[in-house]
Amino acid sequence: MTSVRAYGHARMRACVRIPPFTTAPWSVPVMKTSRVSFAAALAAGAVLALSGTAFAHVSVQPGEAAKGGYATINFKVPNERDNASTTQIEVNFPVDQPLTSVMPQDIPGWTSTVEKTKLDKPLSVHGKQVNEVVTKVTWSGGKIEPGKFQQFPVSVGKLPENADKMVFKAIQTYDNNEVVRWIEESKDGAPEPQTPAPVLKLTAAKAADGHDDAKPAADAKNAGKDEAKHDEAADKSGSDTTARALGIAGIVLGLGGVAFGIASRRRSA
């Protein structure tokens, strides 16, 4: 009788076998969560990369002025850091395009320092010889806090007549000793550099325009109107860039879902 029972138990054990799992059943949700998290992180990175490079950099406003004339331009400096404030901005004027008149406007809380250099060949302006020109203006002593910007107006002239643009290389210093050099020149047909130098486009002067001593003051009065138009255009550009970034993020998330679906089908097969 004992042998018959033992034989019966052996038969039951042989018939009831639990196949081993090649993959633990609880690992599937983890894999799904991991893939979705990766796709979300990739999408967020794309949004940050696009928005970070498109929105803020040192620029000249308005972005253009008439050749051979005088103008008041503003160097617009945004603070790009969340944990530091801008404490100094340095703007270099092109030596090969000397300006005989460079006058920074006083800004409360800021001190402007003008540096000049002697010319190898003097220039003649309004019947007078000019032996030196401004090569650099530095503003310091103030503070641009995170999330804010500051404009630095300068009256300049006489602008070149034989050039299409002027490039002003700028250096921005933060209170944590970080230095950002806005010195890269943009090239036609190429993507905008990461730290582009401010550029003033020079346009053909109107036939009826003439220069007199009241010209800089008139330019200063109209600078605010030009600035408002530029800011409105910048806002529209920023909105378009944000929309493109969100669209790319949606595409990335969609690709992540497709990849997960394919992987799930392969496992079930």
Protein backbone atom coordinates (compact mmCIF):
# COMPACT_ATOMS: atom_id res chain seq x y z
CA MET A 1 0.00 0.00 0.00
CA THR A 2 2.85 2.38 0.84
CA SER A 3 4.49 1.83 -2.50
CA VAL A 4 1.22 2.55 -4.33
CA ARG A 5 0.80 5.88 -2.50
CA ALA A 6 4.39 6.89 -3.20
CA TYR A 7 3.90 6.07 -6.85
CA GLY A 8 0.73 8.21 -6.95
CA HIS A 9 2.45 11.24 -5.35
CA ALA A 10 5.31 10.94 -7.82
CA ARG A 11 2.86 10.93 -10.73
CA MET A 12 1.13 14.06 -9.40
CA ARG A 13 4.44 15.92 -9.03
CA ALA A 14 5.44 14.94 -12.54
CA CYS A 15 2.18 16.18 -13.99
CA VAL A 16 2.00 19.47 -12.11
CA ARG A 17 5.03 21.44 -13.19
CA ILE A 18 5.35 25.25 -12.95
CA PRO A 19 7.30 26.61 -15.91
CA PRO A 20 10.02 29.04 -14.88
CA PHE A 21 9.54 32.76 -15.75
CA THR A 22 12.19 34.08 -18.10
CA THR A 23 11.17 37.59 -17.03
CA ALA A 24 9.62 38.46 -13.71
CA PRO A 25 5.98 39.51 -14.30
CA TRP A 26 6.34 42.57 -12.12
CA SER A 27 9.21 43.92 -14.26
CA VAL A 28 6.94 44.87 -17.18
CA PRO A 29 5.33 47.92 -15.49
CA VAL A 30 8.80 49.04 -14.39
CA MET A 31 10.04 48.82 -17.97
CA LYS A 32 7.04 50.82 -19.17
CA THR A 33 7.55 53.52 -16.54
CA SER A 34 11.25 53.71 -17.36
CA ARG A 35 10.63 54.19 -21.07
CA VAL A 36 7.94 56.80 -20.55
CA SER A 37 10.17 58.66 -18.09
CA PHE A 38 13.02 58.63 -20.59
CA ALA A 39 10.80 60.00 -23.35
CA ALA A 40 9.47 62.73 -21.05
CA ALA A 41 13.00 63.70 -19.99
CA LEU A 42 14.12 63.83 -23.63
CA ALA A 43 11.16 66.04 -24.55
CA ALA A 44 11.80 68.38 -21.64
CA GLY A 45 15.43 68.67 -22.67
CA ALA A 46 14.42 69.59 -26.21
CA VAL A 47 12.12 72.34 -24.91
CA LEU A 48 14.80 73.78 -22.63
CA ALA A 49 17.43 73.65 -25.34
CA LEU A 50 15.25 75.51 -27.82
CA SER A 51 13.96 78.11 -25.40
CA GLY A 52 17.36 78.76 -23.82
CA THR A 53 19.06 79.61 -27.10
CA ALA A 54 16.30 81.60 -28.70
CA PHE A 55 15.13 84.09 -26.13
CA ALA A 56 17.88 86.05 -24.40
CA HIS A 57 21.13 87.62 -25.54
CA VAL A 58 22.77 91.05 -25.58
CA SER A 59 21.50 93.02 -28.57
CA VAL A 60 21.43 96.47 -30.19
CA GLN A 61 18.09 98.26 -30.50
CA PRO A 62 16.88 99.54 -32.81
CA GLY A 63 18.68 97.03 -34.99
CA GLU A 64 19.46 99.43 -37.82
CA ALA A 65 20.56 103.01 -38.50
CA ALA A 66 21.29 105.18 -41.52
CA LYS A 67 24.77 105.21 -43.02
CA GLY A 68 26.77 108.38 -42.50
CA GLY A 69 24.42 109.71 -39.83
CA TYR A 70 24.08 109.93 -36.06
CA ALA A 71 21.85 107.71 -33.94
CA THR A 72 20.98 106.79 -30.37
CA ILE A 73 21.23 103.05 -29.89
CA ASN A 74 20.44 100.92 -26.85
CA PHE A 75 22.43 97.93 -25.73
CA LYS A 76 19.80 95.65 -24.22
CA VAL A 77 21.24 93.30 -21.58
CA PRO A 78 19.00 90.55 -20.13
CA ASN A 79 19.99 88.58 -17.05
CA GLU A 80 20.02 84.90 -18.06
CA ARG A 81 20.88 83.35 -14.70
CA ASP A 82 18.46 82.31 -11.97
CA ASN A 83 21.03 82.43 -9.18
CA ALA A 84 23.18 85.44 -10.08
CA SER A 85 22.89 89.13 -11.04
CA THR A 86 24.68 91.03 -13.80
CA THR A 87 27.05 93.61 -12.33
CA GLN A 88 29.06 94.75 -15.35
CA ILE A 89 28.66 95.05 -19.12
CA GLU A 90 31.51 95.96 -21.46
CA VAL A 91 30.89 96.95 -25.09
CA ASN A 92 33.78 97.13 -27.56
CA PHE A 93 33.53 99.42 -30.57
CA PRO A 94 35.13 98.24 -33.84
CA VAL A 95 38.53 99.87 -34.33
CA ASP A 96 38.33 99.56 -38.12
CA GLN A 97 35.10 101.63 -38.07
CA PRO A 98 36.05 104.57 -35.81
CA LEU A 99 33.26 106.75 -34.41
CA THR A 100 34.18 110.31 -33.59
CA SER A 101 31.22 110.77 -31.23
CA VAL A 102 30.24 108.23 -28.54
CA MET A 103 28.24 109.58 -25.59
CA PRO A 104 26.69 107.16 -23.06
CA GLN A 105 23.56 108.32 -21.26
CA ASP A 106 23.59 108.47 -17.46
CA ILE A 107 21.75 105.55 -15.81
CA PRO A 108 20.84 105.73 -12.11
CA GLY A 109 22.96 103.30 -10.10
CA TRP A 110 25.44 102.67 -12.92
CA THR A 111 28.81 104.26 -13.70
CA SER A 112 30.02 104.43 -17.32
CA THR A 113 33.71 104.41 -18.20
CA VAL A 114 34.82 105.44 -21.70
CA GLU A 115 38.13 104.26 -23.13
CA LYS A 116 39.75 105.89 -26.15
CA THR A 117 42.63 105.15 -28.47
CA LYS A 118 44.75 107.41 -30.66
CA LEU A 119 44.37 107.20 -34.40
CA ASP A 120 47.31 106.65 -36.72
CA LYS A 121 45.65 109.03 -39.15
CA PRO A 122 43.48 111.87 -37.76
CA LEU A 123 39.91 112.26 -38.99
CA SER A 124 38.33 115.51 -40.10
CA VAL A 125 34.88 116.17 -38.63
CA HIS A 126 33.06 119.50 -39.15
CA GLY A 127 36.32 121.19 -40.04
CA LYS A 128 38.11 119.86 -36.94
CA GLN A 129 40.71 117.14 -36.68
CA VAL A 130 39.97 114.20 -34.39
CA ASN A 131 43.04 112.35 -33.08
CA GLU A 132 41.36 109.74 -30.88
CA VAL A 133 38.16 107.70 -30.85
CA VAL A 134 36.21 105.59 -28.36
CA THR A 135 37.02 101.89 -28.41
CA LYS A 136 35.19 100.67 -25.29
CA VAL A 137 32.41 101.65 -22.89
CA THR A 138 32.00 99.80 -19.58
CA TRP A 139 29.03 100.08 -17.23
CA SER A 140 29.46 98.90 -13.63
CA GLY A 141 28.21 99.52 -10.10
CA GLY A 142 24.60 98.57 -10.80
CA LYS A 143 22.79 95.26 -10.77
CA ILE A 144 20.47 93.41 -13.17
CA GLU A 145 18.60 90.84 -11.12
CA PRO A 146 17.36 87.44 -12.38
CA GLY A 147 14.35 87.74 -14.67
CA LYS A 148 15.08 91.40 -15.54
CA PHE A 149 16.96 93.39 -18.18
CA GLN A 150 18.61 96.80 -18.51
CA GLN A 151 19.10 99.12 -21.48
CA PHE A 152 22.25 101.18 -21.93
CA PRO A 153 21.66 104.10 -24.37
CA VAL A 154 24.54 105.59 -26.34
CA SER A 155 24.55 108.41 -28.87
CA VAL A 156 26.94 107.49 -31.70
CA GLY A 157 28.20 108.97 -34.96
CA LYS A 158 29.27 109.56 -37.56
CA LEU A 159 28.29 106.09 -38.73
CA PRO A 160 30.30 104.50 -41.57
CA GLU A 161 29.15 105.17 -45.12
CA ASN A 162 30.94 102.25 -46.80
CA ALA A 163 29.75 99.37 -44.60
CA ASP A 164 26.53 97.41 -44.17
CA LYS A 165 26.86 96.65 -40.46
CA MET A 166 28.77 97.26 -37.26
CA VAL A 167 29.60 94.47 -34.80
CA PHE A 168 29.88 95.38 -31.11
CA LYS A 169 31.49 92.60 -29.07
CA ALA A 170 30.18 92.59 -25.49
CA ILE A 171 31.29 90.96 -22.24
CA GLN A 172 28.75 90.34 -19.47
CA THR A 173 29.90 89.72 -15.87
CA TYR A 174 27.80 88.21 -13.06
CA ASP A 175 28.25 88.62 -9.31
CA ASN A 176 29.29 84.96 -9.01
CA ASN A 177 32.33 85.80 -11.23
CA GLU A 178 30.84 84.10 -14.30
CA VAL A 179 31.74 85.87 -17.55
CA VAL A 180 29.76 85.50 -20.80
CA ARG A 181 31.47 86.72 -23.97
CA TRP A 182 29.02 87.84 -26.64
CA ILE A 183 31.64 87.93 -29.39
CA GLU A 184 30.64 85.37 -32.04
CA GLU A 185 29.81 86.86 -35.43
CA SER A 186 26.84 85.44 -37.32
CA LYS A 187 27.42 84.16 -40.84
CA ASP A 188 24.93 84.26 -43.71
CA GLY A 189 23.09 80.98 -44.13
CA ALA A 190 24.46 79.52 -40.89
CA PRO A 191 22.60 78.95 -37.61
CA GLU A 192 22.84 81.69 -35.00
CA PRO A 193 25.86 81.18 -32.74
CA GLN A 194 25.38 80.35 -29.08
CA THR A 195 26.75 83.72 -27.93
CA PRO A 196 26.25 86.14 -30.86
CA ALA A 197 27.77 89.60 -30.84
CA PRO A 198 25.34 92.55 -31.06
CA VAL A 199 25.03 93.79 -34.65
CA LEU A 200 23.83 97.17 -35.94
CA LYS A 201 22.63 97.03 -39.53
CA LEU A 202 23.51 100.10 -41.61
CA THR A 203 20.96 101.16 -44.21
CA ALA A 204 21.09 103.66 -47.06
CA ALA A 205 20.47 107.23 -45.91
CA LYS A 206 17.36 109.00 -47.18
CA ALA A 207 18.01 111.60 -49.88
CA ALA A 208 16.24 114.35 -47.91
CA ASP A 209 18.13 113.67 -44.69
CA GLY A 210 20.76 116.09 -43.55
CA HIS A 211 22.84 116.15 -40.40
CA ASP A 212 22.61 118.89 -37.82
CA ASP A 213 23.36 119.18 -34.12
CA ALA A 214 19.75 118.33 -33.20
CA LYS A 215 19.94 114.92 -34.89
CA PRO A 216 21.13 112.89 -31.83
CA ALA A 217 18.37 114.39 -29.67
CA ALA A 218 15.71 113.52 -32.25
CA ASP A 219 17.04 109.96 -32.45
CA ALA A 220 16.88 109.66 -28.68
CA LYS A 221 13.24 110.77 -28.69
CA ASN A 222 12.32 108.18 -31.32
CA ALA A 223 14.32 105.34 -29.72
CA GLY A 224 11.46 104.48 -27.36
CA LYS A 225 9.02 103.97 -30.26
CA ASP A 226 11.48 101.77 -32.13
CA GLU A 227 12.12 99.80 -28.94
CA ALA A 228 8.39 99.12 -28.46
CA LYS A 229 8.10 97.81 -32.03
CA HIS A 230 11.15 95.59 -31.55
CA ASP A 231 9.85 94.16 -28.27
CA GLU A 232 6.49 93.36 -29.91
CA ALA A 233 8.28 91.51 -32.71
CA ALA A 234 10.46 89.70 -30.17
CA ASP A 235 7.38 88.58 -28.24
CA LYS A 236 5.85 87.14 -31.41
CA SER A 237 9.11 85.39 -32.24
CA GLY A 238 9.29 83.97 -28.73
CA SER A 239 5.73 82.64 -29.00
CA ASP A 240 6.52 80.97 -32.33
CA THR A 241 9.65 79.38 -30.87
CA THR A 242 7.72 78.09 -27.86
CA ALA A 243 5.07 76.57 -30.13
CA ARG A 244 7.75 74.81 -32.17
CA ALA A 245 9.40 73.53 -28.99
CA LEU A 246 6.12 72.12 -27.66
CA GLY A 247 5.46 70.49 -31.03
CA ILE A 248 8.85 68.78 -30.96
CA ALA A 249 8.18 67.64 -27.40
CA GLY A 250 4.90 66.04 -28.54
CA ILE A 251 6.68 64.25 -31.38
CA VAL A 252 9.32 62.89 -28.99
CA LEU A 253 6.66 61.59 -26.60
CA GLY A 254 4.82 59.99 -29.52
CA LEU A 255 7.98 58.22 -30.69
CA GLY A 256 8.53 56.96 -27.15
CA GLY A 257 5.02 55.46 -27.13
CA VAL A 258 5.56 53.79 -30.52
CA ALA A 259 8.85 52.29 -29.34
CA PHE A 260 7.19 50.91 -26.23
CA GLY A 261 4.32 49.40 -28.26
CA ILE A 262 6.74 47.62 -30.62
CA ALA A 263 8.76 46.26 -27.70
CA SER A 264 5.56 45.00 -26.00
CA ARG A 265 4.47 43.14 -29.15
CA ARG A 266 7.86 41.48 -29.46
CA ARG A 267 7.69 40.27 -25.86
CA SER A 268 4.15 38.87 -26.30
CA ALA A 269 5.19 37.13 -29.53
